[in-house]
C-alpha atoms as a PDB file:
ATOM      1  CA  MET A   1      13.733 -10.048-110.789  1.00  0.00           C
ATOM      2  CA  GLU A   2      15.040 -13.193-112.458  1.00  0.00           C
ATOM      3  CA  HIS A   3      14.126 -16.328-110.553  1.00  0.00           C
ATOM      4  CA  PHE A   4      16.388 -19.365-110.550  1.00  0.00           C
ATOM      5  CA  VAL A   5      17.590 -22.504-108.830  1.00  0.00           C
ATOM      6  CA  ARG A   6      21.285 -23.105-108.315  1.00  0.00           C
ATOM      7  CA  ILE A   7      22.996 -26.396-107.592  1.00  0.00           C
ATOM      8  CA  VAL A   8      26.515 -25.862-106.253  1.00  0.00           C
ATOM      9  CA  MET A   9      28.992 -28.730-105.899  1.00  0.00           C
ATOM     10  CA  GLU A  10      32.726 -29.308-105.809  1.00  0.00           C
ATOM     11  CA  LYS A  11      34.390 -29.410-109.205  1.00  0.00           C
ATOM     12  CA  GLN A  12      34.274 -32.967-110.561  1.00  0.00           C
ATOM     13  CA  GLU A  13      35.515 -34.605-113.738  1.00  0.00           C
ATOM     14  CA  GLY A  14      32.875 -35.620-116.242  1.00  0.00           C
ATOM     15  CA  VAL A  15      30.173 -33.215-115.055  1.00  0.00           C
ATOM     16  CA  ASN A  16      27.872 -32.407-117.979  1.00  0.00           C
ATOM     17  CA  GLN A  17      24.723 -30.391-118.445  1.00  0.00           C
ATOM     18  CA  LEU A  18      21.609 -31.615-116.688  1.00  0.00           C
ATOM     19  CA  ASP A  19      18.984 -33.417-118.745  1.00  0.00           C
ATOM     20  CA  GLU A  20      17.524 -30.732-121.073  1.00  0.00           C
ATOM     21  CA  SER A  21      14.131 -32.463-121.178  1.00  0.00           C
ATOM     22  CA  ILE A  22      13.787 -32.040-117.401  1.00  0.00           C
ATOM     23  CA  PHE A  23      15.717 -28.767-116.914  1.00  0.00           C
ATOM     24  CA  PRO A  24      15.477 -26.651-120.077  1.00  0.00           C
ATOM     25  CA  GLU A  25      17.964 -23.787-120.495  1.00  0.00           C
ATOM     26  CA  ASN A  26      20.180 -24.903-117.579  1.00  0.00           C
ATOM     27  CA  GLU A  27      23.712 -23.520-117.537  1.00  0.00           C
ATOM     28  CA  LEU A  28      26.888 -25.033-116.136  1.00  0.00           C
ATOM     29  CA  LEU A  29      28.975 -22.261-114.532  1.00  0.00           C
ATOM     30  CA  GLU A  30      32.078 -22.119-112.359  1.00  0.00           C
ATOM     31  CA  THR A  31      32.167 -20.122-109.109  1.00  0.00           C
ATOM     32  CA  ALA A  32      35.036 -17.867-108.040  1.00  0.00           C
ATOM     33  CA  GLN A  33      36.118 -20.648-105.653  1.00  0.00           C
ATOM     34  CA  GLY A  34      36.329 -23.143-108.539  1.00  0.00           C
ATOM     35  CA  ALA A  35      33.147 -25.116-107.789  1.00  0.00           C
ATOM     36  CA  HIS A  36      30.603 -26.204-110.407  1.00  0.00           C
ATOM     37  CA  MET A  37      27.257 -24.431-110.378  1.00  0.00           C
ATOM     38  CA  PHE A  38      24.190 -25.399-112.383  1.00  0.00           C
ATOM     39  CA  GLN A  39      21.801 -22.473-112.831  1.00  0.00           C
ATOM     40  CA  ILE A  40      18.245 -23.337-113.821  1.00  0.00           C
ATOM     41  CA  PRO A  41      15.921 -20.413-114.665  1.00  0.00           C
ATOM     42  CA  LEU A  42      12.401 -20.369-113.219  1.00  0.00           C
ATOM     43  CA  SER A  43       9.405 -18.705-114.851  1.00  0.00           C
ATOM     44  CA  ARG A  44       8.095 -17.355-111.532  1.00  0.00           C
ATOM     45  CA  GLN A  45       8.796 -17.050-107.831  1.00  0.00           C
ATOM     46  CA  LEU A  46       8.073 -20.251-105.892  1.00  0.00           C
ATOM     47  CA  SER A  47       6.182 -20.207-102.611  1.00  0.00           C
ATOM     48  CA  GLU A  48       7.930 -21.641 -99.577  1.00  0.00           C
ATOM     49  CA  ASN A  49       6.092 -24.973 -99.867  1.00  0.00           C
ATOM     50  CA  GLU A  50       6.712 -25.159-103.625  1.00  0.00           C
ATOM     51  CA  ALA A  51      10.410 -24.357-103.097  1.00  0.00           C
ATOM     52  CA  ASP A  52      10.737 -27.105-100.467  1.00  0.00           C
ATOM     53  CA  GLU A  53       9.002 -29.645-102.705  1.00  0.00           C
ATOM     54  CA  TYR A  54      11.067 -28.606-105.757  1.00  0.00           C
ATOM     55  CA  ALA A  55      14.308 -28.823-103.761  1.00  0.00           C
ATOM     56  CA  GLN A  56      13.384 -32.309-102.525  1.00  0.00           C
ATOM     57  CA  ARG A  57      12.616 -33.576-106.040  1.00  0.00           C
ATOM     58  CA  LEU A  58      15.792 -31.971-107.374  1.00  0.00           C
ATOM     59  CA  ALA A  59      17.884 -33.534-104.601  1.00  0.00           C
ATOM     60  CA  ASN A  60      16.418 -36.969-105.394  1.00  0.00           C
ATOM     61  CA  TYR A  61      17.270 -36.465-109.082  1.00  0.00           C
ATOM     62  CA  MET A  62      20.851 -35.450-108.237  1.00  0.00           C
ATOM     63  CA  PHE A  63      21.270 -38.531-106.005  1.00  0.00           C
ATOM     64  CA  GLU A  64      20.001 -40.749-108.846  1.00  0.00           C
ATOM     65  CA  GLN A  65      22.596 -39.170-111.171  1.00  0.00           C
ATOM     66  CA  GLY A  66      25.350 -40.158-108.718  1.00  0.00           C
ATOM     67  CA  TYR A  67      26.005 -36.774-107.093  1.00  0.00           C
ATOM     68  CA  ASP A  68      26.036 -36.820-103.307  1.00  0.00           C
ATOM     69  CA  ASP A  69      27.657 -33.561-102.129  1.00  0.00           C
ATOM     70  CA  PHE A  70      25.816 -30.458-103.350  1.00  0.00           C
ATOM     71  CA  ASP A  71      23.832 -27.429-102.157  1.00  0.00           C
ATOM     72  CA  ILE A  72      20.556 -26.223-103.643  1.00  0.00           C
ATOM     73  CA  GLN A  73      19.767 -22.490-103.628  1.00  0.00           C
ATOM     74  CA  ILE A  74      16.378 -21.138-104.729  1.00  0.00           C
ATOM     75  CA  SER A  75      15.964 -17.418-105.426  1.00  0.00           C
ATOM     76  CA  SER A  76      13.540 -15.452-103.308  1.00  0.00           C
ATOM     77  CA  ASP A  77      11.867 -12.046-103.509  1.00  0.00           C
ATOM     78  CA  VAL A  78      11.469 -11.975 -99.766  1.00  0.00           C
ATOM     79  CA  ASP A  79      14.287  -9.974 -98.245  1.00  0.00           C
ATOM     80  CA  GLU A  80      15.165 -11.041 -94.755  1.00  0.00           C
ATOM     81  CA  GLU A  81      13.617  -8.622 -92.327  1.00  0.00           C
ATOM     82  CA  ILE A  82      16.246  -6.465 -90.725  1.00  0.00           C
ATOM     83  CA  ASP A  83      15.211  -5.117 -87.379  1.00  0.00           C
ATOM     84  CA  GLU A  84      16.967  -1.782 -87.470  1.00  0.00           C
ATOM     85  CA  GLU A  85      16.479   1.279 -85.313  1.00  0.00           C
ATOM     86  CA  THR A  86      18.031   4.693 -85.813  1.00  0.00           C
ATOM     87  CA  TYR A  87      18.480   7.093 -82.918  1.00  0.00           C
ATOM     88  CA  GLU A  88      19.221  10.819 -82.896  1.00  0.00           C
ATOM     89  CA  GLY A  89      21.714  12.392 -80.459  1.00  0.00           C
ATOM     90  CA  ASP A  90      21.632  10.834 -76.995  1.00  0.00           C
ATOM     91  CA  ASP A  91      18.390   8.886 -77.574  1.00  0.00           C
ATOM     92  CA  PHE A  92      20.370   5.640 -77.934  1.00  0.00           C
ATOM     93  CA  PHE A  93      22.077   6.070 -74.557  1.00  0.00           C
ATOM     94  CA  GLU A  94      18.775   6.977 -72.927  1.00  0.00           C
ATOM     95  CA  GLU A  95      17.231   3.796 -74.363  1.00  0.00           C
ATOM     96  CA  TYR A  96      20.112   1.320 -73.796  1.00  0.00           C
ATOM     97  CA  GLY A  97      22.586   3.045 -71.482  1.00  0.00           C
ATOM     98  CA  VAL A  98      26.340   2.965 -71.936  1.00  0.00           C
ATOM     99  CA  MET A  99      27.428  -0.086 -73.957  1.00  0.00           C
ATOM    100  CA  TRP A 100      30.764  -0.959 -72.362  1.00  0.00           C
ATOM    101  CA  PHE A 101      31.743  -3.210 -69.521  1.00  0.00           C
ATOM    102  CA  ASN A 102      34.543  -3.075 -67.026  1.00  0.00           C
ATOM    103  CA  GLU A 103      34.758  -5.346 -64.012  1.00  0.00           C
ATOM    104  CA  ASP A 104      36.117  -2.465 -61.931  1.00  0.00           C
ATOM    105  CA  ASP A 105      32.887  -0.876 -60.634  1.00  0.00           C
ATOM    106  CA  ASP A 106      31.812   0.845 -63.866  1.00  0.00           C
ATOM    107  CA  LEU A 107      34.990   2.939 -63.981  1.00  0.00           C
ATOM    108  CA  ASP A 108      37.421   3.225 -66.838  1.00  0.00           C
ATOM    109  CA  GLU A 109      39.972   5.269 -64.967  1.00  0.00           C
ATOM    110  CA  ALA A 110      40.615   6.399 -61.435  1.00  0.00           C
ATOM    111  CA  GLU A 111      42.975   8.590 -59.481  1.00  0.00           C
ATOM    112  CA  TYR A 112      46.109   7.051 -57.980  1.00  0.00           C
ATOM    113  CA  GLN A 113      48.542   9.256 -56.036  1.00  0.00           C
ATOM    114  CA  GLY A 114      47.143  12.407 -57.638  1.00  0.00           C
ATOM    115  CA  ARG A 115      47.064  11.321 -61.281  1.00  0.00           C
ATOM    116  CA  LYS A 116      44.501   9.619 -63.544  1.00  0.00           C
ATOM    117  CA  VAL A 117      45.314   5.981 -64.333  1.00  0.00           C
ATOM    118  CA  PRO A 118      43.470   3.364 -66.462  1.00  0.00           C
ATOM    119  CA  LEU A 119      41.856   0.560 -64.496  1.00  0.00           C
ATOM    120  CA  GLY A 120      42.264  -3.116 -65.378  1.00  0.00           C
ATOM    121  CA  LYS A 121      44.781  -2.525 -68.194  1.00  0.00           C
ATOM    122  CA  PRO A 122      48.165  -4.244 -67.701  1.00  0.00           C
ATOM    123  CA  MET A 123      51.160  -2.185 -68.812  1.00  0.00           C
ATOM    124  CA  ARG A 124      54.956  -2.209 -68.523  1.00  0.00           C
ATOM    125  CA  GLY A 125      55.946  -1.839 -64.914  1.00  0.00           C
ATOM    126  CA  ASP A 126      58.515   0.174 -63.053  1.00  0.00           C
ATOM    127  CA  VAL A 127      59.219  -2.091 -60.060  1.00  0.00           C
ATOM    128  CA  LYS A 128      58.311  -5.414 -61.692  1.00  0.00           C
ATOM    129  CA  LYS A 129      57.851  -6.428 -65.330  1.00  0.00           C
ATOM    130  CA  PHE A 130      54.179  -5.384 -65.459  1.00  0.00           C
ATOM    131  CA  LYS A 131      51.774  -3.278 -63.428  1.00  0.00           C
ATOM    132  CA  VAL A 132      48.028  -2.789 -63.415  1.00  0.00           C
ATOM    133  CA  TYR A 133      45.758  -0.457 -61.483  1.00  0.00           C
ATOM    134  CA  VAL A 134      42.610  -1.939 -59.957  1.00  0.00           C
ATOM    135  CA  LYS A 135      39.844  -0.813 -57.630  1.00  0.00           C
ATOM    136  CA  ASP A 136      40.073  -2.683 -54.319  1.00  0.00           C
ATOM    137  CA  PRO A 137      36.480  -3.730 -53.511  1.00  0.00           C
ATOM    138  CA  SER A 138      37.154  -4.033 -49.776  1.00  0.00           C
ATOM    139  CA  THR A 139      38.447  -0.459 -49.342  1.00  0.00           C
ATOM    140  CA  GLY A 140      37.196   1.269 -52.483  1.00  0.00           C
ATOM    141  CA  ASN A 141      40.698   2.644 -53.107  1.00  0.00           C
ATOM    142  CA  THR A 142      42.727   2.375 -56.291  1.00  0.00           C
ATOM    143  CA  LYS A 143      45.567  -0.116 -55.916  1.00  0.00           C
ATOM    144  CA  LYS A 144      48.654  -0.718 -58.035  1.00  0.00           C
ATOM    145  CA  VAL A 145      49.465  -4.409 -58.551  1.00  0.00           C
ATOM    146  CA  ASN A 146      53.020  -5.231 -59.687  1.00  0.00           C
ATOM    147  CA  PHE A 147      53.708  -8.663 -61.158  1.00  0.00           C
ATOM    148  CA  GLY A 148      56.220 -10.597 -63.245  1.00  0.00           C
ATOM    149  CA  ASP A 149      59.989 -11.003 -63.040  1.00  0.00           C
ATOM    150  CA  PRO A 150      61.687  -8.288 -65.130  1.00  0.00           C
ATOM    151  CA  ASP A 151      64.669 -10.547 -65.822  1.00  0.00           C
ATOM    152  CA  MET A 152      62.704 -13.482 -67.273  1.00  0.00           C
ATOM    153  CA  LYS A 153      60.923 -14.122 -70.562  1.00  0.00           C
ATOM    154  CA  ILE A 154      57.396 -15.533 -70.554  1.00  0.00           C
ATOM    155  CA  LYS A 155      57.685 -18.121 -73.366  1.00  0.00           C
ATOM    156  CA  LYS A 156      54.002 -19.002 -73.129  1.00  0.00           C
ATOM    157  CA  SER A 157      54.097 -20.375 -76.674  1.00  0.00           C
ATOM    158  CA  ASN A 158      55.798 -23.505 -75.301  1.00  0.00           C
ATOM    159  CA  PRO A 159      52.885 -25.732 -74.178  1.00  0.00           C
ATOM    160  CA  ALA A 160      54.920 -27.633 -71.574  1.00  0.00           C
ATOM    161  CA  ARG A 161      56.156 -24.431 -69.905  1.00  0.00           C
ATOM    162  CA  ARG A 162      52.704 -22.912 -70.014  1.00  0.00           C
ATOM    163  CA  ARG A 163      51.114 -26.011 -68.467  1.00  0.00           C
ATOM    164  CA  SER A 164      53.793 -26.092 -65.744  1.00  0.00           C
ATOM    165  CA  PHE A 165      53.410 -22.387 -64.912  1.00  0.00           C
ATOM    166  CA  ARG A 166      49.629 -22.617 -64.736  1.00  0.00           C
ATOM    167  CA  ALA A 167      49.803 -25.708 -62.480  1.00  0.00           C
ATOM    168  CA  ARG A 168      52.480 -24.163 -60.237  1.00  0.00           C
ATOM    169  CA  HIS A 169      50.450 -20.981 -59.734  1.00  0.00           C
ATOM    170  CA  ASN A 170      47.035 -22.703 -59.520  1.00  0.00           C
ATOM    171  CA  CYS A 171      45.689 -20.645 -62.436  1.00  0.00           C
ATOM    172  CA  ASP A 172      42.409 -22.565 -62.481  1.00  0.00           C
ATOM    173  CA  ASN A 173      41.589 -20.563 -59.342  1.00  0.00           C
ATOM    174  CA  PRO A 174      43.593 -17.319 -59.722  1.00  0.00           C
ATOM    175  CA  GLY A 175      42.139 -15.438 -56.762  1.00  0.00           C
ATOM    176  CA  PRO A 176      41.067 -11.777 -56.597  1.00  0.00           C
ATOM    177  CA  ARG A 177      41.980  -9.097 -59.156  1.00  0.00           C
ATOM    178  CA  THR A 178      43.928  -7.257 -56.478  1.00  0.00           C
ATOM    179  CA  LYS A 179      46.645  -9.944 -56.351  1.00  0.00           C
ATOM    180  CA  ALA A 180      49.625 -10.471 -58.657  1.00  0.00           C
ATOM    181  CA  ARG A 181      48.769 -14.150 -59.207  1.00  0.00           C
ATOM    182  CA  TYR A 182      45.492 -13.216 -60.908  1.00  0.00           C
ATOM    183  CA  TRP A 183      47.256 -10.985 -63.444  1.00  0.00           C
ATOM    184  CA  SER A 184      50.178 -13.384 -63.991  1.00  0.00           C
ATOM    185  CA  CYS A 185      47.721 -16.166 -64.740  1.00  0.00           C
ATOM    186  CA  ARG A 186      45.862 -13.920 -67.167  1.00  0.00           C
ATOM    187  CA  LYS A 187      49.110 -13.255 -69.051  1.00  0.00           C
ATOM    188  CA  TRP A 188      49.766 -17.006 -69.232  1.00  0.00           C
END
């Protein structure tokens, strides 16, 4: 592996090569983003302490040359350790369980008047503008919550209207999920 030090800085007028007597074989390159990059080859991999010391001396040199906004990158053979586990079949679920969350008692769907309905997912309504099915914690039954005026537009992109609606409906404390105010406030 080739070892190097890179100094990356914003493109500036009058940037020349670094002093060849101090940094032999340095190259001035341009990154894809248009920044200047000095690449200085190293003869070997530096230890962590050596890299820190080298970076400090290099930073001092760059400050003396009048550069104040730059990044120093030093190559490394050490790949960052990736803690990775691979599971076969259902081993993952046995180890970690199901990896989803729903506030409605661990259910994604329930039965409402004889048909399966999604829980906690607002959709276009039939009686009002929107409807949502939720599990009522007090009774354990599935409940349909209708909310919104079908004849009005929301216009939540207007900050004044949004602020007024949220103040009028006390959206800082929206109440339980089984009430229309909770879901209206979530939409706003």
